[in-house]
N, C-alpha and C. Protein backbone atom coordinates (compact mmCIF):
# COMPACT_ATOMS: atom_id res chain seq x y z
N UNK A 1 36.88 1.66 -12.81
CA UNK A 1 35.83 2.39 -11.97
C UNK A 1 36.76 2.30 -10.68
N UNK A 2 36.93 3.91 -10.45
CA UNK A 2 37.36 3.93 -9.24
C UNK A 2 36.52 4.08 -8.00
N UNK A 3 37.09 4.20 -6.80
CA UNK A 3 36.55 3.47 -5.28
C UNK A 3 35.44 4.62 -4.97
N UNK A 4 35.11 5.50 -5.35
CA UNK A 4 34.24 6.23 -4.85
C UNK A 4 33.29 5.93 -5.82
N UNK A 5 32.85 5.58 -7.34
CA UNK A 5 32.11 5.54 -8.28
C UNK A 5 31.28 4.13 -8.18
N UNK A 6 32.49 3.41 -7.25
CA UNK A 6 32.23 2.08 -7.20
C UNK A 6 31.15 1.71 -6.18
N UNK A 7 31.23 2.81 -5.06
CA UNK A 7 30.31 2.83 -3.59
C UNK A 7 28.92 3.12 -4.28
N UNK A 8 29.24 4.29 -5.30
CA UNK A 8 27.97 4.75 -4.89
C UNK A 8 27.18 4.23 -5.96
N UNK A 9 27.95 3.65 -6.91
CA UNK A 9 27.04 2.58 -7.89
C UNK A 9 26.54 1.26 -6.93
N UNK A 10 27.28 1.07 -5.87
CA UNK A 10 26.85 -0.38 -5.35
C UNK A 10 25.51 -0.13 -4.11
N UNK A 11 25.59 1.04 -4.23
CA UNK A 11 24.55 1.82 -2.94
C UNK A 11 23.37 2.14 -3.88
N UNK A 12 23.75 2.55 -5.09
CA UNK A 12 22.42 2.63 -5.90
C UNK A 12 21.56 1.06 -6.37
N UNK A 13 22.53 0.36 -6.40
CA UNK A 13 22.01 -0.82 -6.64
C UNK A 13 20.81 -1.70 -5.19
N UNK A 14 21.30 -1.28 -4.54
CA UNK A 14 20.88 -1.68 -3.63
C UNK A 14 19.42 -0.98 -3.32
N UNK A 15 19.59 0.44 -3.85
CA UNK A 15 18.06 1.39 -3.48
C UNK A 15 17.79 0.67 -4.45
N UNK A 16 17.94 0.46 -5.42
CA UNK A 16 16.94 0.38 -6.39
C UNK A 16 16.35 -1.37 -5.84
N UNK A 17 17.14 -2.01 -5.74
CA UNK A 17 16.16 -3.25 -5.19
C UNK A 17 15.09 -3.21 -3.95
N UNK A 18 15.77 -1.85 -3.14
CA UNK A 18 14.69 -1.56 -1.85
C UNK A 18 13.91 -1.20 -2.76
N UNK A 19 13.89 0.08 -3.43
CA UNK A 19 12.70 0.65 -4.15
C UNK A 19 11.41 -0.58 -4.93
N UNK A 20 12.24 -1.07 -5.47
CA UNK A 20 11.21 -2.72 -6.17
C UNK A 20 10.52 -3.00 -5.09
N UNK A 21 10.88 -3.49 -3.94
CA UNK A 21 10.02 -3.71 -2.78
C UNK A 21 9.37 -3.14 -2.74
N UNK A 22 9.57 -1.22 -2.05
CA UNK A 22 8.82 -0.34 -1.72
C UNK A 22 7.69 -0.43 -2.36
N UNK A 23 7.96 -0.59 -3.70
CA UNK A 23 6.38 -0.34 -4.63
C UNK A 23 5.16 -0.85 -4.20
N UNK A 24 5.82 -2.61 -4.30
CA UNK A 24 5.29 -3.96 -4.02
C UNK A 24 4.70 -3.61 -2.46
N UNK A 25 5.51 -3.40 -1.34
CA UNK A 25 4.91 -3.22 -0.11
C UNK A 25 3.99 -2.39 0.28
N UNK A 26 4.27 -0.85 -0.35
CA UNK A 26 2.98 -0.06 -0.65
C UNK A 26 1.99 -0.31 -0.83
N UNK A 27 1.75 -0.79 -2.13
CA UNK A 27 0.83 -1.29 -3.16
C UNK A 27 0.00 -2.37 -1.90
N UNK A 28 0.58 -3.14 -1.27
CA UNK A 28 0.09 -3.89 -0.56
C UNK A 28 -0.58 -3.60 0.33
N UNK A 29 0.57 -2.79 1.17
CA UNK A 29 -0.23 -2.51 2.93
C UNK A 29 -1.44 -1.03 2.20
N UNK A 30 -1.57 -0.86 1.84
CA UNK A 30 -2.39 0.49 0.98
C UNK A 30 -3.39 -0.32 0.51
N UNK A 31 -3.79 -1.62 0.17
CA UNK A 31 -4.50 -2.59 -0.09
C UNK A 31 -5.03 -3.00 0.94
N UNK A 32 -4.50 -3.44 1.61
CA UNK A 32 -5.21 -3.74 3.38
C UNK A 32 -5.61 -2.89 4.09
N UNK A 33 -4.82 -1.84 4.02
CA UNK A 33 -5.89 -0.64 4.51
C UNK A 33 -7.27 -0.78 3.85
N UNK A 34 -7.30 -0.37 2.43
CA UNK A 34 -8.53 -0.32 1.39
C UNK A 34 -9.37 -1.56 2.43
N UNK A 35 -9.18 -2.71 2.12
CA UNK A 35 -9.86 -3.72 2.08
C UNK A 35 -10.60 -3.75 3.60
N UNK A 36 -9.35 -3.09 4.69
CA UNK A 36 -9.95 -3.09 6.29
C UNK A 36 -11.03 -2.20 6.30
N UNK A 37 -10.95 -0.92 5.97
CA UNK A 37 -11.42 -0.05 6.54
C UNK A 37 -12.81 0.44 5.46
N UNK A 38 -12.56 0.56 4.21
CA UNK A 38 -13.79 0.37 3.41
C UNK A 38 -14.79 -0.70 3.23
N UNK A 39 -13.70 -2.05 2.39
CA UNK A 39 -14.83 -2.99 1.85
C UNK A 39 -15.59 -3.37 3.53
N UNK A 40 -14.40 -3.85 4.45
CA UNK A 40 -15.46 -4.16 5.92
C UNK A 40 -16.36 -3.43 6.46
N UNK A 41 -15.99 -1.68 6.20
CA UNK A 41 -16.82 -0.71 7.08
C UNK A 41 -15.88 -0.58 8.27
N UNK A 42 -14.79 -0.47 8.39
CA UNK A 42 -14.73 -0.47 9.79
C UNK A 42 -14.31 1.03 9.88
N UNK A 43 -14.42 1.57 8.80
CA UNK A 43 -13.68 3.25 9.10
C UNK A 43 -14.06 4.21 7.36
N UNK A 44 -13.98 4.85 7.61
CA UNK A 44 -14.68 5.96 6.56
C UNK A 44 -13.48 6.51 5.43
N UNK A 45 -14.40 6.53 4.20
CA UNK A 45 -13.27 6.88 3.23
C UNK A 45 -12.47 7.67 3.10
N UNK A 46 -12.38 9.07 3.87
CA UNK A 46 -11.94 9.91 3.66
C UNK A 46 -9.97 9.35 4.62
N UNK A 47 -10.35 8.81 5.49
CA UNK A 47 -8.70 8.27 6.17
C UNK A 47 -8.11 8.30 5.36
N UNK A 48 -8.78 6.91 4.31
CA UNK A 48 -8.14 6.00 3.23
C UNK A 48 -7.70 6.69 2.25
N UNK A 49 -8.53 7.96 1.71
CA UNK A 49 -8.19 8.72 0.69
C UNK A 49 -6.62 9.61 1.58
N UNK A 50 -6.96 10.02 2.72
CA UNK A 50 -5.94 10.43 3.46
C UNK A 50 -4.31 9.45 3.23
N UNK A 51 -4.51 8.38 3.46
CA UNK A 51 -3.12 7.45 3.37
C UNK A 51 -3.08 6.96 1.75
N UNK A 52 -4.18 7.35 1.02
CA UNK A 52 -3.77 7.27 0.05
C UNK A 52 -3.09 7.96 -0.86
N UNK A 53 -3.14 9.13 -0.36
CA UNK A 53 -2.36 10.25 -1.10
C UNK A 53 -0.79 10.25 -0.86
N UNK A 54 -0.62 9.88 0.47
CA UNK A 54 0.63 9.57 0.95
C UNK A 54 1.34 8.65 0.39
N UNK A 55 0.52 7.70 0.77
CA UNK A 55 1.43 6.32 -0.18
C UNK A 55 1.55 6.09 -1.38
N UNK A 56 0.18 7.09 -2.32
CA UNK A 56 0.72 6.96 -3.98
C UNK A 56 2.11 8.04 -3.87
N UNK A 57 2.34 8.84 -3.16
CA UNK A 57 3.99 9.62 -3.55
C UNK A 57 4.73 8.35 -2.92
N UNK A 58 4.94 7.64 -1.82
CA UNK A 58 5.74 7.12 -1.78
C UNK A 58 6.04 6.20 -2.80
N UNK A 59 5.07 5.22 -3.28
CA UNK A 59 4.98 4.78 -4.54
C UNK A 59 5.73 5.66 -5.89
N UNK A 60 5.31 6.44 -5.93
CA UNK A 60 5.83 7.00 -7.40
C UNK A 60 7.69 7.60 -7.14
N UNK A 61 7.75 7.94 -5.82
CA UNK A 61 9.15 8.00 -5.46
C UNK A 61 9.75 6.41 -6.11
N UNK A 62 8.87 5.58 -5.57
CA UNK A 62 9.63 3.77 -5.91
C UNK A 62 9.84 4.26 -6.89
N UNK A 63 8.98 4.11 -8.07
CA UNK A 63 8.84 3.98 -9.10
C UNK A 63 9.83 4.80 -10.41
N UNK A 64 10.13 6.12 -9.94
CA UNK A 64 11.32 7.18 -10.17
C UNK A 64 12.40 6.26 -9.75
N UNK A 65 12.39 6.29 -8.43
CA UNK A 65 13.88 5.24 -8.79
C UNK A 65 14.15 4.18 -8.95
N UNK A 66 13.34 3.00 -9.48
CA UNK A 66 13.61 2.41 -9.97
C UNK A 66 13.76 2.51 -11.62
N UNK A 67 12.92 3.69 -12.29
CA UNK A 67 13.42 3.65 -13.38
C UNK A 67 14.59 4.78 -13.84
N UNK A 68 15.25 5.78 -12.69
CA UNK A 68 16.54 6.57 -12.79
C UNK A 68 17.64 5.68 -12.45
N UNK A 69 17.05 4.96 -11.38
CA UNK A 69 18.40 4.22 -10.93
C UNK A 69 18.57 2.72 -11.95
N UNK A 70 17.37 2.61 -12.25
CA UNK A 70 17.65 1.52 -13.58
C UNK A 70 19.06 1.64 -14.65
N UNK A 71 18.86 3.47 -14.72
CA UNK A 71 20.06 3.85 -15.83
C UNK A 71 21.41 2.97 -15.87
N UNK A 72 21.87 3.47 -14.51
CA UNK A 72 23.25 2.99 -14.16
C UNK A 72 23.54 2.07 -14.03
N UNK A 73 22.81 1.21 -13.15
CA UNK A 73 22.97 0.09 -13.28
C UNK A 73 22.63 -1.56 -14.65
N UNK A 74 21.78 -0.69 -15.39
CA UNK A 74 21.87 -1.61 -16.63
C UNK A 74 23.29 -0.89 -17.27
N UNK A 75 23.78 -0.02 -17.46
CA UNK A 75 24.79 0.78 -18.17
C UNK A 75 26.14 -0.19 -17.55
N UNK A 76 26.06 -0.22 -16.36
CA UNK A 76 27.64 -0.50 -15.71
C UNK A 76 27.34 -2.31 -15.35
N UNK A 77 26.28 -2.88 -15.46
CA UNK A 77 26.19 -4.32 -15.37
C UNK A 77 26.62 -4.99 -15.19
N UNK A 78 26.82 -4.86 -16.39
CA UNK A 78 28.00 -6.30 -16.97
C UNK A 78 29.18 -6.37 -16.46
N UNK A 79 29.69 -4.99 -16.34
CA UNK A 79 31.26 -4.65 -15.26
C UNK A 79 30.66 -4.78 -13.99
N UNK A 80 29.87 -4.30 -13.00
CA UNK A 80 29.94 -4.40 -12.06
C UNK A 80 28.96 -5.58 -11.31
N UNK A 81 28.39 -6.16 -12.03
CA UNK A 81 27.63 -6.86 -11.46
C UNK A 81 27.75 -8.22 -11.72
N UNK A 82 26.94 -8.82 -13.02
CA UNK A 82 27.68 -9.97 -13.80
C UNK A 82 28.80 -10.62 -13.48
N UNK A 83 29.99 -9.80 -13.66
CA UNK A 83 31.45 -10.39 -13.86
C UNK A 83 31.36 -10.88 -12.54
N UNK A 84 31.10 -10.41 -11.41
CA UNK A 84 31.76 -10.67 -10.29
C UNK A 84 30.50 -11.84 -9.76
N UNK A 85 29.12 -11.83 -10.13
CA UNK A 85 28.54 -12.62 -9.69
C UNK A 85 28.58 -14.28 -10.74
N UNK A 86 29.47 -14.54 -12.17
CA UNK A 86 29.54 -14.94 -13.02
C UNK A 86 30.83 -15.91 -12.56
N UNK A 87 31.81 -14.69 -11.77
CA UNK A 87 33.00 -15.52 -11.21
C UNK A 87 32.79 -16.47 -10.11
N UNK A 88 31.84 -15.91 -9.22
CA UNK A 88 32.00 -16.85 -8.00
C UNK A 88 30.42 -17.93 -8.20
N UNK A 89 29.84 -18.33 -9.59
CA UNK A 89 28.66 -19.06 -9.64
C UNK A 89 27.55 -18.56 -9.25
N UNK A 90 27.29 -17.58 -9.07
CA UNK A 90 26.00 -17.23 -8.50
C UNK A 90 25.40 -16.37 -10.09
N UNK A 91 25.27 -17.22 -10.71
CA UNK A 91 24.55 -16.57 -11.88
C UNK A 91 22.97 -17.27 -12.12
N UNK A 92 22.70 -18.60 -11.66
CA UNK A 92 21.58 -18.86 -11.01
C UNK A 92 20.54 -18.24 -10.07
N UNK A 93 21.40 -17.65 -8.97
CA UNK A 93 20.83 -16.91 -7.90
C UNK A 93 20.55 -14.94 -8.61
N UNK A 94 21.39 -15.01 -9.54
CA UNK A 94 20.82 -13.81 -10.18
C UNK A 94 20.08 -13.51 -10.98
N UNK A 95 19.40 -14.81 -11.67
CA UNK A 95 18.36 -15.22 -13.07
C UNK A 95 17.38 -15.27 -11.29
N UNK A 96 17.27 -15.51 -10.96
CA UNK A 96 15.94 -15.84 -9.99
C UNK A 96 15.87 -14.58 -9.18
N UNK A 97 16.93 -14.00 -8.80
CA UNK A 97 16.80 -12.41 -8.13
C UNK A 97 15.71 -11.73 -9.35
N UNK A 98 16.34 -11.71 -10.69
CA UNK A 98 15.70 -10.49 -11.40
C UNK A 98 14.41 -11.20 -11.66
N UNK A 99 14.05 -12.32 -11.96
CA UNK A 99 12.81 -12.87 -12.01
C UNK A 99 11.74 -12.76 -10.89
N UNK A 100 12.41 -12.28 -9.58
CA UNK A 100 11.58 -11.27 -8.82
C UNK A 100 11.53 -10.59 -8.33
N UNK A 101 12.44 -9.51 -8.67
CA UNK A 101 11.85 -8.04 -9.00
C UNK A 101 11.47 -7.85 -9.90
N UNK A 102 11.03 -8.59 -11.43
CA UNK A 102 10.09 -8.41 -12.43
C UNK A 102 8.90 -8.40 -12.01
N UNK A 103 8.81 -9.54 -10.60
CA UNK A 103 7.50 -10.63 -10.20
C UNK A 103 7.14 -9.00 -9.50
N UNK A 104 7.71 -8.51 -8.29
CA UNK A 104 7.16 -7.81 -7.54
C UNK A 104 7.20 -6.17 -8.19
N UNK A 105 7.72 -6.23 -9.29
CA UNK A 105 7.54 -4.62 -10.06
C UNK A 105 5.94 -4.61 -10.93
N UNK A 106 5.64 -6.10 -11.10
CA UNK A 106 4.47 -5.88 -11.62
C UNK A 106 3.28 -6.22 -11.02
N UNK A 107 3.73 -7.00 -9.63
CA UNK A 107 2.40 -7.08 -9.01
C UNK A 107 2.59 -5.34 -8.12
N UNK A 108 3.23 -5.02 -7.80
CA UNK A 108 3.08 -3.62 -7.09
C UNK A 108 2.12 -2.83 -7.85
N UNK A 109 2.69 -2.55 -9.17
CA UNK A 109 2.42 -1.48 -10.04
C UNK A 109 0.32 -1.93 -10.58
N UNK A 110 0.41 -3.53 -10.57
CA UNK A 110 -1.33 -3.80 -10.57
C UNK A 110 -1.86 -3.68 -9.56
N UNK A 111 -1.37 -3.88 -8.23
CA UNK A 111 -2.06 -3.79 -6.91
C UNK A 111 -2.17 -1.73 -6.98
N UNK A 112 -1.38 -1.27 -6.98
CA UNK A 112 -1.53 0.36 -7.69
C UNK A 112 -2.72 1.01 -8.29
N UNK A 113 -2.57 0.41 -9.31
CA UNK A 113 -3.68 0.21 -10.51
C UNK A 113 -4.83 -0.01 -10.02
N UNK A 114 -5.16 -1.39 -9.39
CA UNK A 114 -6.19 -1.12 -8.94
C UNK A 114 -7.02 -0.75 -7.41
N UNK A 115 -5.70 -0.21 -6.69
CA UNK A 115 -6.43 0.63 -5.70
C UNK A 115 -6.84 1.88 -6.36
N UNK A 116 -6.19 2.77 -7.51
CA UNK A 116 -6.67 4.00 -7.92
C UNK A 116 -8.14 3.64 -8.51
N UNK A 117 -8.20 2.57 -9.09
CA UNK A 117 -9.96 2.44 -9.74
C UNK A 117 -10.54 2.31 -8.73
N UNK A 118 -10.25 1.05 -7.47
CA UNK A 118 -11.16 1.07 -6.16
C UNK A 118 -11.35 2.35 -5.43
N UNK A 119 -10.46 3.47 -5.05
CA UNK A 119 -10.49 4.72 -4.31
C UNK A 119 -11.61 5.45 -5.22
N UNK A 120 -11.46 5.26 -6.47
CA UNK A 120 -11.61 6.63 -7.34
C UNK A 120 -13.50 5.79 -7.49
N UNK A 121 -13.65 4.50 -7.53
CA UNK A 121 -15.11 3.98 -7.08
C UNK A 121 -15.95 4.39 -6.13
N UNK A 122 -15.17 4.12 -5.19
CA UNK A 122 -15.98 4.75 -3.90
C UNK A 122 -15.93 6.01 -3.84
N UNK A 123 -14.99 7.02 -3.98
CA UNK A 123 -15.02 8.42 -3.82
C UNK A 123 -16.39 8.90 -4.63
N UNK A 124 -16.81 8.24 -5.68
CA UNK A 124 -18.61 8.44 -6.17
C UNK A 124 -19.12 7.67 -5.44
N UNK A 125 -19.39 6.50 -4.84
CA UNK A 125 -19.79 6.02 -4.46
C UNK A 125 -20.15 6.54 -2.79
N UNK A 126 -19.14 7.60 -2.62
CA UNK A 126 -19.54 8.39 -0.99
C UNK A 126 -20.30 9.95 -1.35
N UNK A 127 -20.21 10.18 -2.54
CA UNK A 127 -20.58 11.49 -2.79
C UNK A 127 -22.46 11.22 -2.62
């Protein structure tokens, strides 16, 4: 692999990790806002709906990056990440990292599904 391609792949891999954390983080942040403004009654549902639309776009972008960025990462994983990590004795760290990433992905997805249901129910109750 030439140097430019290696740098691009490395950047993709970093952004792929960031997108995974962004999916979970945006879901968590939106859930906190929903709880604060709607559940605790300190705000109205219209501001939560507005935030939800913007944060949903962010979550969709993160999910798209996870899927699309995961393709080259998977293709070059053995050559680019695994071989280097195994050579330095970091196999356990890579395993833990991937377990955490799957947990973050699952948690973020779960938060967004719960939010969609909760925001939908509050829209019904608001009318």
